């Protein structure tokens, strides 16, 4: 099987996102999920700018960042 770099980034993003949902700890979930969102944003850009993928994952990244910052500011 020959995969393009774009496809590999898409599959990696999907894998990281799925792994994030296996986390019991919400902080680990948000960190790993954020990595998946970043990969998906890159994937959306590599697809000659797929706005639905970019916008959705940018939103997810912002939500995760907000809650991570909120958590660390309370600690």
PDB file of N, CA and C in Angstrom:
ATOM      1  N   UNK A   1       0.834  -1.187   0.000  1.00  0.00           N
ATOM      2  CA  UNK A   1       0.000   0.000   0.000  1.00  0.00           C
ATOM      3  C   UNK A   1       0.875   1.245   0.000  1.00  0.00           C
ATOM      4  N   UNK A   2       0.578   2.131  -0.884  1.00  0.00           N
ATOM      5  CA  UNK A   2       1.301   3.395  -0.954  1.00  0.00           C
ATOM      6  C   UNK A   2       0.407   4.501  -0.434  1.00  0.00           C
ATOM      7  N   UNK A   3       0.862   5.153   0.611  1.00  0.00           N
ATOM      8  CA  UNK A   3       0.117   6.258   1.191  1.00  0.00           C
ATOM      9  C   UNK A   3       0.854   7.554   0.904  1.00  0.00           C
ATOM     10  N   UNK A   4       0.099   8.604   0.667  1.00  0.00           N
ATOM     11  CA  UNK A   4       0.714   9.922   0.539  1.00  0.00           C
ATOM     12  C   UNK A   4       0.980  10.460   1.939  1.00  0.00           C
ATOM     13  N   UNK A   5       1.811  11.466   2.017  1.00  0.00           N
ATOM     14  CA  UNK A   5       2.084  12.102   3.307  1.00  0.00           C
ATOM     15  C   UNK A   5       0.793  12.653   3.898  1.00  0.00           C
ATOM     16  N   UNK A   6      -0.046  13.206   3.061  1.00  0.00           N
ATOM     17  CA  UNK A   6      -1.327  13.746   3.520  1.00  0.00           C
ATOM     18  C   UNK A   6      -2.176  12.653   4.154  1.00  0.00           C
ATOM     19  N   UNK A   7      -2.266  11.519   3.505  1.00  0.00           N
ATOM     20  CA  UNK A   7      -3.045  10.404   4.059  1.00  0.00           C
ATOM     21  C   UNK A   7      -2.465   9.925   5.382  1.00  0.00           C
ATOM     22  N   UNK A   8      -1.139   9.829   5.451  1.00  0.00           N
ATOM     23  CA  UNK A   8      -0.499   9.388   6.690  1.00  0.00           C
ATOM     24  C   UNK A   8      -0.804  10.342   7.841  1.00  0.00           C
ATOM     25  N   UNK A   9      -0.769  11.648   7.572  1.00  0.00           N
ATOM     26  CA  UNK A   9      -1.102  12.633   8.612  1.00  0.00           C
ATOM     27  C   UNK A   9      -2.562  12.464   9.033  1.00  0.00           C
ATOM     28  N   UNK A  10      -3.442  12.229   8.093  1.00  0.00           N
ATOM     29  CA  UNK A  10      -4.859  12.018   8.406  1.00  0.00           C
ATOM     30  C   UNK A  10      -5.075  10.781   9.260  1.00  0.00           C
ATOM     31  N   UNK A  11      -4.420   9.684   8.901  1.00  0.00           N
ATOM     32  CA  UNK A  11      -4.548   8.453   9.694  1.00  0.00           C
ATOM     33  C   UNK A  11      -3.934   8.623  11.082  1.00  0.00           C
ATOM     34  N   UNK A  12      -2.793   9.298  11.158  1.00  0.00           N
ATOM     35  CA  UNK A  12      -2.160   9.542  12.447  1.00  0.00           C
ATOM     36  C   UNK A  12      -3.055  10.413  13.329  1.00  0.00           C
ATOM     37  N   UNK A  13      -3.642  11.439  12.743  1.00  0.00           N
ATOM     38  CA  UNK A  13      -4.556  12.307  13.488  1.00  0.00           C
ATOM     39  C   UNK A  13      -5.737  11.503  14.024  1.00  0.00           C
ATOM     40  N   UNK A  14      -6.289  10.637  13.202  1.00  0.00           N
ATOM     41  CA  UNK A  14      -7.414   9.800  13.636  1.00  0.00           C
ATOM     42  C   UNK A  14      -7.011   8.870  14.767  1.00  0.00           C
ATOM     43  N   UNK A  15      -5.835   8.268  14.646  1.00  0.00           N
ATOM     44  CA  UNK A  15      -5.349   7.352  15.678  1.00  0.00           C
ATOM     45  C   UNK A  15      -5.138   8.082  17.002  1.00  0.00           C
ATOM     46  N   UNK A  16      -4.494   9.240  16.951  1.00  0.00           N
ATOM     47  CA  UNK A  16      -4.244  10.011  18.174  1.00  0.00           C
ATOM     48  C   UNK A  16      -5.571  10.422  18.813  1.00  0.00           C
ATOM     49  N   UNK A  17      -6.515  10.853  18.002  1.00  0.00           N
ATOM     50  CA  UNK A  17      -7.831  11.239  18.514  1.00  0.00           C
ATOM     51  C   UNK A  17      -8.517  10.059  19.186  1.00  0.00           C
ATOM     52  N   UNK A  18      -8.475   8.886  18.575  1.00  0.00           N
ATOM     53  CA  UNK A  18      -9.099   7.700  19.173  1.00  0.00           C
ATOM     54  C   UNK A  18      -8.409   7.321  20.479  1.00  0.00           C
ATOM     55  N   UNK A  19      -7.094   7.407  20.502  1.00  0.00           N
ATOM     56  CA  UNK A  19      -6.350   7.096  21.730  1.00  0.00           C
ATOM     57  C   UNK A  19      -6.737   8.055  22.849  1.00  0.00           C
ATOM     58  N   UNK A  20      -6.966   9.314  22.505  1.00  0.00           N
ATOM     59  CA  UNK A  20      -7.306  10.293  23.540  1.00  0.00           C
ATOM     60  C   UNK A  20      -8.580   9.906  24.284  1.00  0.00           C
ATOM     61  N   UNK A  21      -9.513   9.296  23.596  1.00  0.00           N
ATOM     62  CA  UNK A  21     -10.778   8.923  24.231  1.00  0.00           C
ATOM     63  C   UNK A  21     -10.663   7.685  25.111  1.00  0.00           C
ATOM     64  N   UNK A  22      -9.512   7.048  25.115  1.00  0.00           N
ATOM     65  CA  UNK A  22      -9.282   5.922  26.012  1.00  0.00           C
ATOM     66  C   UNK A  22      -8.732   6.367  27.365  1.00  0.00           C
ATOM     67  N   UNK A  23      -8.396   7.645  27.481  1.00  0.00           N
ATOM     68  CA  UNK A  23      -7.811   8.170  28.708  1.00  0.00           C
ATOM     69  C   UNK A  23      -8.883   8.336  29.787  1.00  0.00           C
ATOM     70  N   UNK A  24      -8.567   7.902  30.997  1.00  0.00           N
ATOM     71  CA  UNK A  24      -9.464   8.106  32.138  1.00  0.00           C
ATOM     72  C   UNK A  24      -9.252   9.488  32.743  1.00  0.00           C
ATOM     73  N   UNK A  25      -8.018   9.974  32.678  1.00  0.00           N
ATOM     74  CA  UNK A  25      -7.672  11.277  33.233  1.00  0.00           C
ATOM     75  C   UNK A  25      -8.027  12.362  32.212  1.00  0.00           C
ATOM     76  N   UNK A  26      -8.880  13.316  32.611  1.00  0.00           N
ATOM     77  CA  UNK A  26      -9.357  14.344  31.690  1.00  0.00           C
ATOM     78  C   UNK A  26      -8.226  15.236  31.181  1.00  0.00           C
ATOM     79  N   UNK A  27      -7.206  15.460  31.999  1.00  0.00           N
ATOM     80  CA  UNK A  27      -6.083  16.297  31.569  1.00  0.00           C
ATOM     81  C   UNK A  27      -5.310  15.603  30.452  1.00  0.00           C
ATOM     82  N   UNK A  28      -5.013  14.318  30.639  1.00  0.00           N
ATOM     83  CA  UNK A  28      -4.326  13.550  29.582  1.00  0.00           C
ATOM     84  C   UNK A  28      -5.182  13.507  28.327  1.00  0.00           C
ATOM     85  N   UNK A  29      -6.492  13.324  28.500  1.00  0.00           N
ATOM     86  CA  UNK A  29      -7.404  13.293  27.356  1.00  0.00           C
ATOM     87  C   UNK A  29      -7.303  14.593  26.576  1.00  0.00           C
ATOM     88  N   UNK A  30      -7.356  15.728  27.277  1.00  0.00           N
ATOM     89  CA  UNK A  30      -7.324  17.020  26.594  1.00  0.00           C
ATOM     90  C   UNK A  30      -5.983  17.269  25.903  1.00  0.00           C
ATOM     91  N   UNK A  31      -4.891  16.853  26.521  1.00  0.00           N
ATOM     92  CA  UNK A  31      -3.575  17.051  25.910  1.00  0.00           C
ATOM     93  C   UNK A  31      -3.435  16.205  24.647  1.00  0.00           C
ATOM     94  N   UNK A  32      -3.764  14.934  24.738  1.00  0.00           N
ATOM     95  CA  UNK A  32      -3.643  14.044  23.577  1.00  0.00           C
ATOM     96  C   UNK A  32      -4.642  14.435  22.496  1.00  0.00           C
ATOM     97  N   UNK A  33      -5.844  14.818  22.903  1.00  0.00           N
ATOM     98  CA  UNK A  33      -6.861  15.263  21.956  1.00  0.00           C
ATOM     99  C   UNK A  33      -6.395  16.529  21.234  1.00  0.00           C
ATOM    100  N   UNK A  34      -5.694  17.403  21.944  1.00  0.00           N
ATOM    101  CA  UNK A  34      -5.163  18.625  21.329  1.00  0.00           C
ATOM    102  C   UNK A  34      -4.117  18.293  20.275  1.00  0.00           C
ATOM    103  N   UNK A  35      -3.292  17.306  20.547  1.00  0.00           N
ATOM    104  CA  UNK A  35      -2.300  16.873  19.564  1.00  0.00           C
ATOM    105  C   UNK A  35      -3.009  16.356  18.308  1.00  0.00           C
ATOM    106  N   UNK A  36      -4.065  15.576  18.515  1.00  0.00           N
ATOM    107  CA  UNK A  36      -4.861  15.099  17.384  1.00  0.00           C
ATOM    108  C   UNK A  36      -5.480  16.246  16.599  1.00  0.00           C
ATOM    109  N   UNK A  37      -5.987  17.252  17.314  1.00  0.00           N
ATOM    110  CA  UNK A  37      -6.588  18.412  16.644  1.00  0.00           C
ATOM    111  C   UNK A  37      -5.549  19.162  15.820  1.00  0.00           C
ATOM    112  N   UNK A  38      -4.346  19.319  16.371  1.00  0.00           N
ATOM    113  CA  UNK A  38      -3.270  19.988  15.628  1.00  0.00           C
ATOM    114  C   UNK A  38      -2.934  19.205  14.360  1.00  0.00           C
ATOM    115  N   UNK A  39      -2.858  17.888  14.496  1.00  0.00           N
ATOM    116  CA  UNK A  39      -2.590  17.049  13.314  1.00  0.00           C
ATOM    117  C   UNK A  39      -3.716  17.193  12.285  1.00  0.00           C
ATOM    118  N   UNK A  40      -4.957  17.237  12.765  1.00  0.00           N
ATOM    119  CA  UNK A  40      -6.087  17.401  11.838  1.00  0.00           C
ATOM    120  C   UNK A  40      -6.071  18.768  11.162  1.00  0.00           C
ATOM    121  N   UNK A  41      -5.646  19.800  11.874  1.00  0.00           N
ATOM    122  CA  UNK A  41      -5.526  21.120  11.248  1.00  0.00           C
ATOM    123  C   UNK A  41      -4.479  21.050  10.125  1.00  0.00           C
ATOM    124  N   UNK A  42      -3.351  20.407  10.411  1.00  0.00           N
ATOM    125  CA  UNK A  42      -2.335  20.217   9.373  1.00  0.00           C
ATOM    126  C   UNK A  42      -2.870  19.422   8.198  1.00  0.00           C
ATOM    127  N   UNK A  43      -3.638  18.390   8.504  1.00  0.00           N
ATOM    128  CA  UNK A  43      -4.255  17.567   7.464  1.00  0.00           C
ATOM    129  C   UNK A  43      -5.207  18.409   6.609  1.00  0.00           C
ATOM    130  N   UNK A  44      -6.011  19.234   7.265  1.00  0.00           N
ATOM    131  CA  UNK A  44      -6.942  20.100   6.533  1.00  0.00           C
ATOM    132  C   UNK A  44      -6.211  21.073   5.623  1.00  0.00           C
ATOM    133  N   UNK A  45      -5.085  21.575   6.079  1.00  0.00           N
ATOM    134  CA  UNK A  45      -4.281  22.479   5.253  1.00  0.00           C
ATOM    135  C   UNK A  45      -3.679  21.715   4.073  1.00  0.00           C
ATOM    136  N   UNK A  46      -3.214  20.502   4.332  1.00  0.00           N
ATOM    137  CA  UNK A  46      -2.604  19.693   3.270  1.00  0.00           C
ATOM    138  C   UNK A  46      -3.616  19.259   2.213  1.00  0.00           C
ATOM    139  N   UNK A  47      -4.884  19.280   2.561  1.00  0.00           N
ATOM    140  CA  UNK A  47      -5.934  18.928   1.593  1.00  0.00           C
ATOM    141  C   UNK A  47      -6.334  20.138   0.746  1.00  0.00           C
ATOM    142  N   UNK A  48      -5.418  21.045   0.547  1.00  0.00           N
ATOM    143  CA  UNK A  48      -5.680  22.274  -0.221  1.00  0.00           C
ATOM    144  C   UNK A  48      -6.747  23.110   0.481  1.00  0.00           C
ATOM    145  N   UNK A  49      -6.611  23.239   1.774  1.00  0.00           N
ATOM    146  CA  UNK A  49      -7.459  24.051   2.643  1.00  0.00           C
ATOM    147  C   UNK A  49      -8.889  23.508   2.692  1.00  0.00           C
ATOM    148  N   UNK A  50      -9.073  22.534   3.578  1.00  0.00           N
ATOM    149  CA  UNK A  50     -10.408  21.993   3.843  1.00  0.00           C
ATOM    150  C   UNK A  50     -10.941  22.703   5.090  1.00  0.00           C
ATOM    151  N   UNK A  51     -11.707  23.779   4.859  1.00  0.00           N
ATOM    152  CA  UNK A  51     -12.174  24.618   5.957  1.00  0.00           C
ATOM    153  C   UNK A  51     -12.987  23.884   7.014  1.00  0.00           C
ATOM    154  N   UNK A  52     -13.875  22.958   6.644  1.00  0.00           N
ATOM    155  CA  UNK A  52     -14.625  22.259   7.705  1.00  0.00           C
ATOM    156  C   UNK A  52     -13.712  21.519   8.684  1.00  0.00           C
ATOM    157  N   UNK A  53     -12.675  20.880   8.190  1.00  0.00           N
ATOM    158  CA  UNK A  53     -11.728  20.160   9.059  1.00  0.00           C
ATOM    159  C   UNK A  53     -10.926  21.156   9.898  1.00  0.00           C
ATOM    160  N   UNK A  54     -10.457  22.224   9.283  1.00  0.00           N
ATOM    161  CA  UNK A  54      -9.643  23.219   9.983  1.00  0.00           C
ATOM    162  C   UNK A  54     -10.455  23.919  11.060  1.00  0.00           C
ATOM    163  N   UNK A  55     -11.642  24.391  10.727  1.00  0.00           N
ATOM    164  CA  UNK A  55     -12.469  25.146  11.678  1.00  0.00           C
ATOM    165  C   UNK A  55     -12.880  24.271  12.863  1.00  0.00           C
ATOM    166  N   UNK A  56     -13.344  23.064  12.588  1.00  0.00           N
ATOM    167  CA  UNK A  56     -13.779  22.169  13.662  1.00  0.00           C
ATOM    168  C   UNK A  56     -12.635  21.865  14.624  1.00  0.00           C
ATOM    169  N   UNK A  57     -11.478  21.546  14.088  1.00  0.00           N
ATOM    170  CA  UNK A  57     -10.356  21.167  14.943  1.00  0.00           C
ATOM    171  C   UNK A  57      -9.703  22.370  15.611  1.00  0.00           C
ATOM    172  N   UNK A  58      -9.765  23.534  14.999  1.00  0.00           N
ATOM    173  CA  UNK A  58      -9.288  24.750  15.661  1.00  0.00           C
ATOM    174  C   UNK A  58     -10.182  25.047  16.868  1.00  0.00           C
ATOM    175  N   UNK A  59     -11.486  24.841  16.704  1.00  0.00           N
ATOM    176  CA  UNK A  59     -12.411  25.025  17.825  1.00  0.00           C
ATOM    177  C   UNK A  59     -12.105  24.035  18.952  1.00  0.00           C
ATOM    178  N   UNK A  60     -11.924  22.774  18.599  1.00  0.00           N
ATOM    179  CA  UNK A  60     -11.607  21.742  19.600  1.00  0.00           C
ATOM    180  C   UNK A  60     -10.307  22.099  20.318  1.00  0.00           C
ATOM    181  N   UNK A  61      -9.314  22.544  19.584  1.00  0.00           N
ATOM    182  CA  UNK A  61      -8.038  22.931  20.181  1.00  0.00           C
ATOM    183  C   UNK A  61      -8.223  24.107  21.148  1.00  0.00           C
ATOM    184  N   UNK A  62      -9.030  25.085  20.765  1.00  0.00           N
ATOM    185  CA  UNK A  62      -9.296  26.229  21.646  1.00  0.00           C
ATOM    186  C   UNK A  62     -10.011  25.801  22.925  1.00  0.00           C
ATOM    187  N   UNK A  63     -11.003  24.929  22.806  1.00  0.00           N
ATOM    188  CA  UNK A  63     -11.728  24.444  23.988  1.00  0.00           C
ATOM    189  C   UNK A  63     -10.785  23.685  24.913  1.00  0.00           C
ATOM    190  N   UNK A  64      -9.991  22.783  24.345  1.00  0.00           N
ATOM    191  CA  UNK A  64      -9.031  22.030  25.159  1.00  0.00           C
ATOM    192  C   UNK A  64      -8.032  22.962  25.841  1.00  0.00           C
ATOM    193  N   UNK A  65      -7.531  23.937  25.112  1.00  0.00           N
ATOM    194  CA  UNK A  65      -6.570  24.887  25.669  1.00  0.00           C
ATOM    195  C   UNK A  65      -7.196  25.693  26.804  1.00  0.00           C
ATOM    196  N   UNK A  66      -8.426  26.141  26.605  1.00  0.00           N
ATOM    197  CA  UNK A  66      -9.131  26.901  27.642  1.00  0.00           C
ATOM    198  C   UNK A  66      -9.231  26.098  28.933  1.00  0.00           C
ATOM    199  N   UNK A  67      -9.698  24.858  28.831  1.00  0.00           N
ATOM    200  CA  UNK A  67      -9.880  24.043  30.038  1.00  0.00           C
ATOM    201  C   UNK A  67      -8.556  23.619  30.664  1.00  0.00           C
ATOM    202  N   UNK A  68      -7.536  23.397  29.851  1.00  0.00           N
ATOM    203  CA  UNK A  68      -6.220  23.089  30.409  1.00  0.00           C
ATOM    204  C   UNK A  68      -5.653  24.297  31.166  1.00  0.00           C
ATOM    205  N   UNK A  69      -5.800  25.482  30.584  1.00  0.00           N
ATOM    206  CA  UNK A  69      -5.324  26.688  31.257  1.00  0.00           C
ATOM    207  C   UNK A  69      -6.116  26.940  32.538  1.00  0.00           C
ATOM    208  N   UNK A  70      -7.411  26.731  32.478  1.00  0.00           N
ATOM    209  CA  UNK A  70      -8.263  26.895  33.662  1.00  0.00           C
ATOM    210  C   UNK A  70      -7.830  25.938  34.770  1.00  0.00           C
ATOM    211  N   UNK A  71      -7.541  24.715  34.398  1.00  0.00           N
ATOM    212  CA  UNK A  71      -7.090  23.707  35.374  1.00  0.00           C
ATOM    213  C   UNK A  71      -5.763  24.108  36.015  1.00  0.00           C
ATOM    214  N   UNK A  72      -4.812  24.511  35.182  1.00  0.00           N
ATOM    215  CA  UNK A  72      -3.484  24.843  35.708  1.00  0.00           C
ATOM    216  C   UNK A  72      -3.466  26.150  36.491  1.00  0.00           C
ATOM    217  N   UNK A  73      -4.383  27.070  36.176  1.00  0.00           N
ATOM    218  CA  UNK A  73      -4.464  28.306  36.949  1.00  0.00           C
ATOM    219  C   UNK A  73      -5.094  28.097  38.318  1.00  0.00           C
ATOM    220  N   UNK A  74      -5.907  27.046  38.450  1.00  0.00           N
ATOM    221  CA  UNK A  74      -6.531  26.724  39.740  1.00  0.00           C
ATOM    222  C   UNK A  74      -5.587  25.950  40.653  1.00  0.00           C
ATOM    223  N   UNK A  75      -4.586  25.316  40.064  1.00  0.00           N
ATOM    224  CA  UNK A  75      -3.660  24.489  40.848  1.00  0.00           C
ATOM    225  C   UNK A  75      -2.679  25.319  41.626  1.00  0.00           C
TER     226      UNK A  75
END
